[in-house]
Amino acid sequence: MLPKVPLHSEMVDVAGTKIEVRSLSRAEQLKLTQYENDLDTAETVMIAMTTGFSEDEVRTWREETPGDVVNDLIEQIARISGVNRGTAKSGGESVPLRAS
């Protein structure tokens, strides 16, 4: 049996508020590649997966929040998850996780 390895989590600062963010599992990273041409949905799903907020809550938050704050959270999730900044690897190809 393969060993169970817990996902890493840490508290991160989002515009002066600390929230807990956990890393993406490999399965979640691969799931995000299906949104390669829909970065809006990819960001929403990724933030929801890693923060415990619903996709509706995340969508509303993203609509009301400056882009640099959203981008910072995306980058922190990528760092915690151990993926390249702004991309996930799928079959040797880079798949964007957020808009540049």
PDB file of N, CA and C in Angstrom:
ATOM      1  N   MET A   1       0.845  -1.183   0.000  1.00  0.00           N
ATOM      2  CA  MET A   1       0.000   0.000   0.000  1.00  0.00           C
ATOM      3  C   MET A   1       0.887   1.243   0.000  1.00  0.00           C
ATOM      4  N   LEU A   2       0.509   2.230  -0.817  1.00  0.00           N
ATOM      5  CA  LEU A   2       1.239   3.488  -0.826  1.00  0.00           C
ATOM      6  C   LEU A   2       0.982   4.253   0.471  1.00  0.00           C
ATOM      7  N   PRO A   3       1.989   4.961   0.967  1.00  0.00           N
ATOM      8  CA  PRO A   3       1.783   5.702   2.219  1.00  0.00           C
ATOM      9  C   PRO A   3       0.870   6.900   2.018  1.00  0.00           C
ATOM     10  N   LYS A   4       0.058   7.160   3.010  1.00  0.00           N
ATOM     11  CA  LYS A   4      -0.793   8.353   2.986  1.00  0.00           C
ATOM     12  C   LYS A   4       0.051   9.533   3.452  1.00  0.00           C
ATOM     13  N   VAL A   5       0.127  10.544   2.598  1.00  0.00           N
ATOM     14  CA  VAL A   5       0.918  11.734   2.903  1.00  0.00           C
ATOM     15  C   VAL A   5      -0.055  12.913   2.977  1.00  0.00           C
ATOM     16  N   PRO A   6      -0.135  13.555   4.133  1.00  0.00           N
ATOM     17  CA  PRO A   6      -1.080  14.670   4.258  1.00  0.00           C
ATOM     18  C   PRO A   6      -0.684  15.853   3.375  1.00  0.00           C
ATOM     19  N   LEU A   7      -1.691  16.571   2.916  1.00  0.00           N
ATOM     20  CA  LEU A   7      -1.455  17.776   2.132  1.00  0.00           C
ATOM     21  C   LEU A   7      -0.942  18.878   3.052  1.00  0.00           C
ATOM     22  N   HIS A   8       0.003  19.637   2.569  1.00  0.00           N
ATOM     23  CA  HIS A   8       0.572  20.737   3.336  1.00  0.00           C
ATOM     24  C   HIS A   8      -0.445  21.877   3.430  1.00  0.00           C
ATOM     25  N   SER A   9      -0.494  22.546   4.549  1.00  0.00           N
ATOM     26  CA  SER A   9      -1.329  23.746   4.671  1.00  0.00           C
ATOM     27  C   SER A   9      -0.573  24.783   5.489  1.00  0.00           C
ATOM     28  N   GLU A  10      -0.946  26.026   5.263  1.00  0.00           N
ATOM     29  CA  GLU A  10      -0.358  27.108   6.053  1.00  0.00           C
ATOM     30  C   GLU A  10      -1.287  28.312   6.031  1.00  0.00           C
ATOM     31  N   MET A  11      -1.074  29.185   6.981  1.00  0.00           N
ATOM     32  CA  MET A  11      -1.815  30.436   7.039  1.00  0.00           C
ATOM     33  C   MET A  11      -1.118  31.427   6.114  1.00  0.00           C
ATOM     34  N   VAL A  12      -1.907  32.080   5.265  1.00  0.00           N
ATOM     35  CA  VAL A  12      -1.355  33.081   4.358  1.00  0.00           C
ATOM     36  C   VAL A  12      -2.103  34.394   4.549  1.00  0.00           C
ATOM     37  N   ASP A  13      -1.421  35.471   4.212  1.00  0.00           N
ATOM     38  CA  ASP A  13      -2.010  36.798   4.336  1.00  0.00           C
ATOM     39  C   ASP A  13      -2.695  37.175   3.022  1.00  0.00           C
ATOM     40  N   VAL A  14      -3.969  37.518   3.122  1.00  0.00           N
ATOM     41  CA  VAL A  14      -4.724  37.991   1.962  1.00  0.00           C
ATOM     42  C   VAL A  14      -5.271  39.367   2.327  1.00  0.00           C
ATOM     43  N   ALA A  15      -4.617  40.395   1.830  1.00  0.00           N
ATOM     44  CA  ALA A  15      -5.022  41.784   2.080  1.00  0.00           C
ATOM     45  C   ALA A  15      -5.195  42.072   3.573  1.00  0.00           C
ATOM     46  N   GLY A  16      -4.241  41.581   4.374  1.00  0.00           N
ATOM     47  CA  GLY A  16      -4.263  41.861   5.802  1.00  0.00           C
ATOM     48  C   GLY A  16      -5.052  40.885   6.649  1.00  0.00           C
ATOM     49  N   THR A  17      -5.658  39.888   6.032  1.00  0.00           N
ATOM     50  CA  THR A  17      -6.412  38.863   6.760  1.00  0.00           C
ATOM     51  C   THR A  17      -5.732  37.515   6.556  1.00  0.00           C
ATOM     52  N   LYS A  18      -5.533  36.784   7.635  1.00  0.00           N
ATOM     53  CA  LYS A  18      -4.919  35.456   7.545  1.00  0.00           C
ATOM     54  C   LYS A  18      -6.004  34.416   7.264  1.00  0.00           C
ATOM     55  N   ILE A  19      -5.750  33.577   6.241  1.00  0.00           N
ATOM     56  CA  ILE A  19      -6.636  32.451   5.957  1.00  0.00           C
ATOM     57  C   ILE A  19      -5.784  31.209   5.783  1.00  0.00           C
ATOM     58  N   GLU A  20      -6.379  30.063   6.085  1.00  0.00           N
ATOM     59  CA  GLU A  20      -5.665  28.804   5.893  1.00  0.00           C
ATOM     60  C   GLU A  20      -5.840  28.338   4.455  1.00  0.00           C
ATOM     61  N   VAL A  21      -4.720  27.960   3.856  1.00  0.00           N
ATOM     62  CA  VAL A  21      -4.695  27.461   2.488  1.00  0.00           C
ATOM     63  C   VAL A  21      -3.959  26.126   2.520  1.00  0.00           C
ATOM     64  N   ARG A  22      -4.520  25.140   1.833  1.00  0.00           N
ATOM     65  CA  ARG A  22      -3.829  23.856   1.747  1.00  0.00           C
ATOM     66  C   ARG A  22      -3.346  23.651   0.318  1.00  0.00           C
ATOM     67  N   SER A  23      -2.391  22.771   0.186  1.00  0.00           N
ATOM     68  CA  SER A  23      -1.848  22.493  -1.135  1.00  0.00           C
ATOM     69  C   SER A  23      -2.859  21.729  -1.983  1.00  0.00           C
ATOM     70  N   LEU A  24      -2.693  21.846  -3.279  1.00  0.00           N
ATOM     71  CA  LEU A  24      -3.481  21.048  -4.213  1.00  0.00           C
ATOM     72  C   LEU A  24      -2.916  19.632  -4.242  1.00  0.00           C
ATOM     73  N   SER A  25      -3.788  18.655  -4.300  1.00  0.00           N
ATOM     74  CA  SER A  25      -3.323  17.288  -4.521  1.00  0.00           C
ATOM     75  C   SER A  25      -2.939  17.152  -5.989  1.00  0.00           C
ATOM     76  N   ARG A  26      -2.232  16.110  -6.327  1.00  0.00           N
ATOM     77  CA  ARG A  26      -1.865  15.903  -7.737  1.00  0.00           C
ATOM     78  C   ARG A  26      -3.121  15.738  -8.585  1.00  0.00           C
ATOM     79  N   ALA A  27      -4.117  15.032  -8.062  1.00  0.00           N
ATOM     80  CA  ALA A  27      -5.372  14.846  -8.801  1.00  0.00           C
ATOM     81  C   ALA A  27      -6.045  16.190  -9.061  1.00  0.00           C
ATOM     82  N   GLU A  28      -6.019  17.083  -8.076  1.00  0.00           N
ATOM     83  CA  GLU A  28      -6.608  18.415  -8.262  1.00  0.00           C
ATOM     84  C   GLU A  28      -5.820  19.231  -9.282  1.00  0.00           C
ATOM     85  N   GLN A  29      -4.501  19.133  -9.251  1.00  0.00           N
ATOM     86  CA  GLN A  29      -3.685  19.836 -10.239  1.00  0.00           C
ATOM     87  C   GLN A  29      -4.073  19.395 -11.644  1.00  0.00           C
ATOM     88  N   LEU A  30      -4.230  18.100 -11.839  1.00  0.00           N
ATOM     89  CA  LEU A  30      -4.595  17.584 -13.158  1.00  0.00           C
ATOM     90  C   LEU A  30      -6.014  17.996 -13.538  1.00  0.00           C
ATOM     91  N   LYS A  31      -6.924  18.023 -12.556  1.00  0.00           N
ATOM     92  CA  LYS A  31      -8.300  18.452 -12.838  1.00  0.00           C
ATOM     93  C   LYS A  31      -8.319  19.887 -13.362  1.00  0.00           C
ATOM     94  N   LEU A  32      -7.461  20.731 -12.818  1.00  0.00           N
ATOM     95  CA  LEU A  32      -7.423  22.130 -13.248  1.00  0.00           C
ATOM     96  C   LEU A  32      -7.004  22.277 -14.707  1.00  0.00           C
ATOM     97  N   THR A  33      -6.294  21.301 -15.247  1.00  0.00           N
ATOM     98  CA  THR A  33      -5.860  21.409 -16.645  1.00  0.00           C
ATOM     99  C   THR A  33      -7.048  21.387 -17.606  1.00  0.00           C
ATOM    100  N   GLN A  34      -8.195  20.880 -17.170  1.00  0.00           N
ATOM    101  CA  GLN A  34      -9.370  20.887 -18.053  1.00  0.00           C
ATOM    102  C   GLN A  34      -9.897  22.299 -18.295  1.00  0.00           C
ATOM    103  N   TYR A  35      -9.448  23.249 -17.482  1.00  0.00           N
ATOM    104  CA  TYR A  35      -9.876  24.640 -17.633  1.00  0.00           C
ATOM    105  C   TYR A  35      -8.818  25.480 -18.344  1.00  0.00           C
ATOM    106  N   GLU A  36      -7.970  24.844 -19.120  1.00  0.00           N
ATOM    107  CA  GLU A  36      -6.870  25.524 -19.793  1.00  0.00           C
ATOM    108  C   GLU A  36      -7.328  26.754 -20.574  1.00  0.00           C
ATOM    109  N   ASN A  37      -8.500  26.692 -21.161  1.00  0.00           N
ATOM    110  CA  ASN A  37      -9.010  27.816 -21.955  1.00  0.00           C
ATOM    111  C   ASN A  37     -10.044  28.653 -21.205  1.00  0.00           C
ATOM    112  N   ASP A  38     -10.173  28.419 -19.906  1.00  0.00           N
ATOM    113  CA  ASP A  38     -11.138  29.151 -19.080  1.00  0.00           C
ATOM    114  C   ASP A  38     -10.471  29.496 -17.751  1.00  0.00           C
ATOM    115  N   LEU A  39      -9.572  30.466 -17.778  1.00  0.00           N
ATOM    116  CA  LEU A  39      -8.801  30.810 -16.587  1.00  0.00           C
ATOM    117  C   LEU A  39      -9.673  31.352 -15.467  1.00  0.00           C
ATOM    118  N   ASP A  40     -10.796  31.980 -15.813  1.00  0.00           N
ATOM    119  CA  ASP A  40     -11.721  32.474 -14.796  1.00  0.00           C
ATOM    120  C   ASP A  40     -12.208  31.316 -13.927  1.00  0.00           C
ATOM    121  N   THR A  41     -12.660  30.255 -14.563  1.00  0.00           N
ATOM    122  CA  THR A  41     -13.128  29.076 -13.822  1.00  0.00           C
ATOM    123  C   THR A  41     -11.973  28.389 -13.116  1.00  0.00           C
ATOM    124  N   ALA A  42     -10.815  28.295 -13.771  1.00  0.00           N
ATOM    125  CA  ALA A  42      -9.657  27.639 -13.157  1.00  0.00           C
ATOM    126  C   ALA A  42      -9.277  28.310 -11.841  1.00  0.00           C
ATOM    127  N   GLU A  43      -9.215  29.639 -11.842  1.00  0.00           N
ATOM    128  CA  GLU A  43      -8.876  30.349 -10.611  1.00  0.00           C
ATOM    129  C   GLU A  43      -9.924  30.133  -9.535  1.00  0.00           C
ATOM    130  N   THR A  44     -11.189  30.225  -9.925  1.00  0.00           N
ATOM    131  CA  THR A  44     -12.269  30.049  -8.960  1.00  0.00           C
ATOM    132  C   THR A  44     -12.216  28.667  -8.334  1.00  0.00           C
ATOM    133  N   VAL A  45     -12.081  27.641  -9.152  1.00  0.00           N
ATOM    134  CA  VAL A  45     -12.042  26.257  -8.659  1.00  0.00           C
ATOM    135  C   VAL A  45     -10.809  26.036  -7.785  1.00  0.00           C
ATOM    136  N   MET A  46      -9.653  26.550  -8.220  1.00  0.00           N
ATOM    137  CA  MET A  46      -8.427  26.357  -7.446  1.00  0.00           C
ATOM    138  C   MET A  46      -8.531  27.001  -6.071  1.00  0.00           C
ATOM    139  N   ILE A  47      -9.018  28.225  -6.013  1.00  0.00           N
ATOM    140  CA  ILE A  47      -9.142  28.896  -4.713  1.00  0.00           C
ATOM    141  C   ILE A  47     -10.147  28.161  -3.832  1.00  0.00           C
ATOM    142  N   ALA A  48     -11.268  27.732  -4.408  1.00  0.00           N
ATOM    143  CA  ALA A  48     -12.265  26.994  -3.625  1.00  0.00           C
ATOM    144  C   ALA A  48     -11.694  25.686  -3.091  1.00  0.00           C
ATOM    145  N   MET A  49     -10.970  24.948  -3.924  1.00  0.00           N
ATOM    146  CA  MET A  49     -10.386  23.668  -3.502  1.00  0.00           C
ATOM    147  C   MET A  49      -9.455  23.830  -2.310  1.00  0.00           C
ATOM    148  N   THR A  50      -8.701  24.907  -2.306  1.00  0.00           N
ATOM    149  CA  THR A  50      -7.614  25.045  -1.330  1.00  0.00           C
ATOM    150  C   THR A  50      -7.969  25.858  -0.088  1.00  0.00           C
ATOM    151  N   THR A  51      -9.104  26.553  -0.125  1.00  0.00           N
ATOM    152  CA  THR A  51      -9.464  27.401   1.016  1.00  0.00           C
ATOM    153  C   THR A  51     -10.680  26.908   1.786  1.00  0.00           C
ATOM    154  N   GLY A  52     -11.480  26.056   1.176  1.00  0.00           N
ATOM    155  CA  GLY A  52     -12.702  25.593   1.829  1.00  0.00           C
ATOM    156  C   GLY A  52     -13.896  26.493   1.590  1.00  0.00           C
ATOM    157  N   PHE A  53     -13.702  27.589   0.846  1.00  0.00           N
ATOM    158  CA  PHE A  53     -14.830  28.439   0.485  1.00  0.00           C
ATOM    159  C   PHE A  53     -15.538  27.836  -0.719  1.00  0.00           C
ATOM    160  N   SER A  54     -16.820  28.131  -0.870  1.00  0.00           N
ATOM    161  CA  SER A  54     -17.565  27.614  -2.017  1.00  0.00           C
ATOM    162  C   SER A  54     -17.133  28.345  -3.290  1.00  0.00           C
ATOM    163  N   GLU A  55     -17.398  27.725  -4.433  1.00  0.00           N
ATOM    164  CA  GLU A  55     -17.078  28.384  -5.699  1.00  0.00           C
ATOM    165  C   GLU A  55     -17.856  29.692  -5.843  1.00  0.00           C
ATOM    166  N   ASP A  56     -19.102  29.733  -5.371  1.00  0.00           N
ATOM    167  CA  ASP A  56     -19.883  30.974  -5.433  1.00  0.00           C
ATOM    168  C   ASP A  56     -19.242  32.066  -4.580  1.00  0.00           C
ATOM    169  N   GLU A  57     -18.789  31.711  -3.367  1.00  0.00           N
ATOM    170  CA  GLU A  57     -18.128  32.693  -2.503  1.00  0.00           C
ATOM    171  C   GLU A  57     -16.850  33.214  -3.160  1.00  0.00           C
ATOM    172  N   VAL A  58     -16.080  32.305  -3.744  1.00  0.00           N
ATOM    173  CA  VAL A  58     -14.831  32.704  -4.395  1.00  0.00           C
ATOM    174  C   VAL A  58     -15.112  33.579  -5.603  1.00  0.00           C
ATOM    175  N   ARG A  59     -16.101  33.205  -6.399  1.00  0.00           N
ATOM    176  CA  ARG A  59     -16.451  33.986  -7.599  1.00  0.00           C
ATOM    177  C   ARG A  59     -16.806  35.418  -7.209  1.00  0.00           C
ATOM    178  N   THR A  60     -17.640  35.572  -6.183  1.00  0.00           N
ATOM    179  CA  THR A  60     -18.032  36.902  -5.713  1.00  0.00           C
ATOM    180  C   THR A  60     -16.817  37.665  -5.199  1.00  0.00           C
ATOM    181  N   TRP A  61     -15.977  36.995  -4.413  1.00  0.00           N
ATOM    182  CA  TRP A  61     -14.771  37.636  -3.873  1.00  0.00           C
ATOM    183  C   TRP A  61     -13.874  38.112  -5.006  1.00  0.00           C
ATOM    184  N   ARG A  62     -13.658  37.277  -6.019  1.00  0.00           N
ATOM    185  CA  ARG A  62     -12.801  37.648  -7.153  1.00  0.00           C
ATOM    186  C   ARG A  62     -13.364  38.840  -7.910  1.00  0.00           C
ATOM    187  N   GLU A  63     -14.696  38.916  -8.032  1.00  0.00           N
ATOM    188  CA  GLU A  63     -15.324  40.033  -8.748  1.00  0.00           C
ATOM    189  C   GLU A  63     -15.163  41.353  -8.003  1.00  0.00           C
ATOM    190  N   GLU A  64     -15.008  41.284  -6.683  1.00  0.00           N
ATOM    191  CA  GLU A  64     -14.952  42.489  -5.853  1.00  0.00           C
ATOM    192  C   GLU A  64     -13.551  42.827  -5.353  1.00  0.00           C
ATOM    193  N   THR A  65     -12.527  42.072  -5.800  1.00  0.00           N
ATOM    194  CA  THR A  65     -11.178  42.210  -5.247  1.00  0.00           C
ATOM    195  C   THR A  65     -10.191  42.629  -6.334  1.00  0.00           C
ATOM    196  N   PRO A  66      -9.258  43.529  -6.007  1.00  0.00           N
ATOM    197  CA  PRO A  66      -8.252  43.929  -6.994  1.00  0.00           C
ATOM    198  C   PRO A  66      -7.460  42.725  -7.513  1.00  0.00           C
ATOM    199  N   GLY A  67      -7.107  42.785  -8.788  1.00  0.00           N
ATOM    200  CA  GLY A  67      -6.407  41.682  -9.436  1.00  0.00           C
ATOM    201  C   GLY A  67      -5.103  41.301  -8.774  1.00  0.00           C
ATOM    202  N   ASP A  68      -4.343  42.293  -8.260  1.00  0.00           N
ATOM    203  CA  ASP A  68      -3.062  41.958  -7.642  1.00  0.00           C
ATOM    204  C   ASP A  68      -3.245  41.133  -6.378  1.00  0.00           C
ATOM    205  N   VAL A  69      -4.341  41.338  -5.652  1.00  0.00           N
ATOM    206  CA  VAL A  69      -4.616  40.556  -4.440  1.00  0.00           C
ATOM    207  C   VAL A  69      -4.969  39.125  -4.825  1.00  0.00           C
ATOM    208  N   VAL A  70      -5.794  38.969  -5.853  1.00  0.00           N
ATOM    209  CA  VAL A  70      -6.155  37.631  -6.332  1.00  0.00           C
ATOM    210  C   VAL A  70      -4.910  36.917  -6.843  1.00  0.00           C
ATOM    211  N   ASN A  71      -4.102  37.609  -7.653  1.00  0.00           N
ATOM    212  CA  ASN A  71      -2.881  37.003  -8.180  1.00  0.00           C
ATOM    213  C   ASN A  71      -1.944  36.572  -7.072  1.00  0.00           C
ATOM    214  N   ASP A  72      -1.835  37.376  -6.015  1.00  0.00           N
ATOM    215  CA  ASP A  72      -0.975  37.012  -4.888  1.00  0.00           C
ATOM    216  C   ASP A  72      -1.455  35.714  -4.239  1.00  0.00           C
ATOM    217  N   LEU A  73      -2.761  35.570  -4.057  1.00  0.00           N
ATOM    218  CA  LEU A  73      -3.282  34.339  -3.465  1.00  0.00           C
ATOM    219  C   LEU A  73      -3.001  33.154  -4.381  1.00  0.00           C
ATOM    220  N   ILE A  74      -3.215  33.313  -5.686  1.00  0.00           N
ATOM    221  CA  ILE A  74      -2.938  32.243  -6.651  1.00  0.00           C
ATOM    222  C   ILE A  74      -1.468  31.818  -6.560  1.00  0.00           C
ATOM    223  N   GLU A  75      -0.574  32.798  -6.485  1.00  0.00           N
ATOM    224  CA  GLU A  75       0.852  32.488  -6.387  1.00  0.00           C
ATOM    225  C   GLU A  75       1.196  31.778  -5.087  1.00  0.00           C
ATOM    226  N   GLN A  76       0.539  32.162  -3.990  1.00  0.00           N
ATOM    227  CA  GLN A  76       0.783  31.476  -2.721  1.00  0.00           C
ATOM    228  C   GLN A  76       0.288  30.036  -2.776  1.00  0.00           C
ATOM    229  N   ILE A  77      -0.860  29.812  -3.401  1.00  0.00           N
ATOM    230  CA  ILE A  77      -1.373  28.450  -3.557  1.00  0.00           C
ATOM    231  C   ILE A  77      -0.399  27.619  -4.393  1.00  0.00           C
ATOM    232  N   ALA A  78       0.101  28.189  -5.492  1.00  0.00           N
ATOM    233  CA  ALA A  78       1.062  27.481  -6.345  1.00  0.00           C
ATOM    234  C   ALA A  78       2.327  27.139  -5.555  1.00  0.00           C
ATOM    235  N   ARG A  79       2.814  28.089  -4.762  1.00  0.00           N
ATOM    236  CA  ARG A  79       4.021  27.841  -3.962  1.00  0.00           C
ATOM    237  C   ARG A  79       3.795  26.720  -2.960  1.00  0.00           C
ATOM    238  N   ILE A  80       2.691  26.792  -2.233  1.00  0.00           N
ATOM    239  CA  ILE A  80       2.380  25.775  -1.223  1.00  0.00           C
ATOM    240  C   ILE A  80       2.199  24.404  -1.879  1.00  0.00           C
ATOM    241  N   SER A  81       1.658  24.417  -3.102  1.00  0.00           N
ATOM    242  CA  SER A  81       1.391  23.172  -3.823  1.00  0.00           C
ATOM    243  C   SER A  81       2.612  22.632  -4.554  1.00  0.00           C
ATOM    244  N   GLY A  82       3.676  23.438  -4.628  1.00  0.00           N
ATOM    245  CA  GLY A  82       4.887  22.983  -5.283  1.00  0.00           C
ATOM    246  C   GLY A  82       4.798  22.962  -6.796  1.00  0.00           C
ATOM    247  N   VAL A  83       3.919  23.797  -7.366  1.00  0.00           N
ATOM    248  CA  VAL A  83       3.831  23.874  -8.826  1.00  0.00           C
ATOM    249  C   VAL A  83       4.530  25.136  -9.299  1.00  0.00           C
ATOM    250  N   ASN A  84       4.945  25.131 -10.550  1.00  0.00           N
ATOM    251  CA  ASN A  84       5.592  26.309 -11.122  1.00  0.00           C
ATOM    252  C   ASN A  84       4.660  27.492 -11.028  1.00  0.00           C
ATOM    253  N   ARG A  85       5.223  28.637 -10.767  1.00  0.00           N
ATOM    254  CA  ARG A  85       4.427  29.856 -10.632  1.00  0.00           C
ATOM    255  C   ARG A  85       3.584  30.087 -11.882  1.00  0.00           C
ATOM    256  N   GLY A  86       2.271  30.009 -11.701  1.00  0.00           N
ATOM    257  CA  GLY A  86       1.355  30.289 -12.792  1.00  0.00           C
ATOM    258  C   GLY A  86       1.078  29.126 -13.714  1.00  0.00           C
ATOM    259  N   THR A  87       1.711  27.956 -13.498  1.00  0.00           N
ATOM    260  CA  THR A  87       1.463  26.820 -14.376  1.00  0.00           C
ATOM    261  C   THR A  87       1.418  25.525 -13.591  1.00  0.00           C
ATOM    262  N   ALA A  88       0.771  24.546 -14.177  1.00  0.00           N
ATOM    263  CA  ALA A  88       0.809  23.178 -13.664  1.00  0.00           C
ATOM    264  C   ALA A  88       1.367  22.322 -14.784  1.00  0.00           C
ATOM    265  N   LYS A  89       2.043  21.262 -14.444  1.00  0.00           N
ATOM    266  CA  LYS A  89       2.592  20.377 -15.459  1.00  0.00           C
ATOM    267  C   LYS A  89       1.621  19.235 -15.715  1.00  0.00           C
ATOM    268  N   SER A  90       1.356  18.978 -16.961  1.00  0.00           N
ATOM    269  CA  SER A  90       0.477  17.884 -17.357  1.00  0.00           C
ATOM    270  C   SER A  90       1.082  17.204 -18.562  1.00  0.00           C
ATOM    271  N   GLY A  91       1.577  16.007 -18.365  1.00  0.00           N
ATOM    272  CA  GLY A  91       2.154  15.279 -19.470  1.00  0.00           C
ATOM    273  C   GLY A  91       3.296  16.020 -20.136  1.00  0.00           C
ATOM    274  N   GLY A  92       4.087  16.759 -19.363  1.00  0.00           N
ATOM    275  CA  GLY A  92       5.210  17.471 -19.900  1.00  0.00           C
ATOM    276  C   GLY A  92       4.901  18.847 -20.449  1.00  0.00           C
ATOM    277  N   GLU A  93       3.609  19.202 -20.518  1.00  0.00           N
ATOM    278  CA  GLU A  93       3.222  20.510 -21.028  1.00  0.00           C
ATOM    279  C   GLU A  93       2.849  21.429 -19.878  1.00  0.00           C
ATOM    280  N   SER A  94       3.150  22.701 -20.012  1.00  0.00           N
ATOM    281  CA  SER A  94       2.735  23.682 -19.013  1.00  0.00           C
ATOM    282  C   SER A  94       1.323  24.122 -19.300  1.00  0.00           C
ATOM    283  N   VAL A  95       0.484  24.090 -18.283  1.00  0.00           N
ATOM    284  CA  VAL A  95      -0.907  24.520 -18.416  1.00  0.00           C
ATOM    285  C   VAL A  95      -1.118  25.685 -17.473  1.00  0.00           C
ATOM    286  N   PRO A  96      -1.547  26.845 -17.977  1.00  0.00           N
ATOM    287  CA  PRO A  96      -1.713  28.014 -17.121  1.00  0.00           C
ATOM    288  C   PRO A  96      -2.724  27.783 -16.006  1.00  0.00           C
ATOM    289  N   LEU A  97      -2.369  28.276 -14.803  1.00  0.00           N
ATOM    290  CA  LEU A  97      -3.301  28.250 -13.682  1.00  0.00           C
ATOM    291  C   LEU A  97      -3.926  29.623 -13.459  1.00  0.00           C
ATOM    292  N   ARG A  98      -3.360  30.652 -14.049  1.00  0.00           N
ATOM    293  CA  ARG A  98      -3.903  31.994 -13.869  1.00  0.00           C
ATOM    294  C   ARG A  98      -3.470  32.870 -15.036  1.00  0.00           C
ATOM    295  N   ALA A  99      -4.180  33.943 -15.176  1.00  0.00           N
ATOM    296  CA  ALA A  99      -3.818  34.905 -16.218  1.00  0.00           C
ATOM    297  C   ALA A  99      -2.560  35.642 -15.782  1.00  0.00           C
ATOM    298  N   SER A 100      -1.745  36.008 -16.730  1.00  0.00           N
ATOM    299  CA  SER A 100      -0.503  36.733 -16.408  1.00  0.00           C
ATOM    300  C   SER A 100      -0.806  38.196 -16.166  1.00  0.00           C
TER     301      SER A 100
END
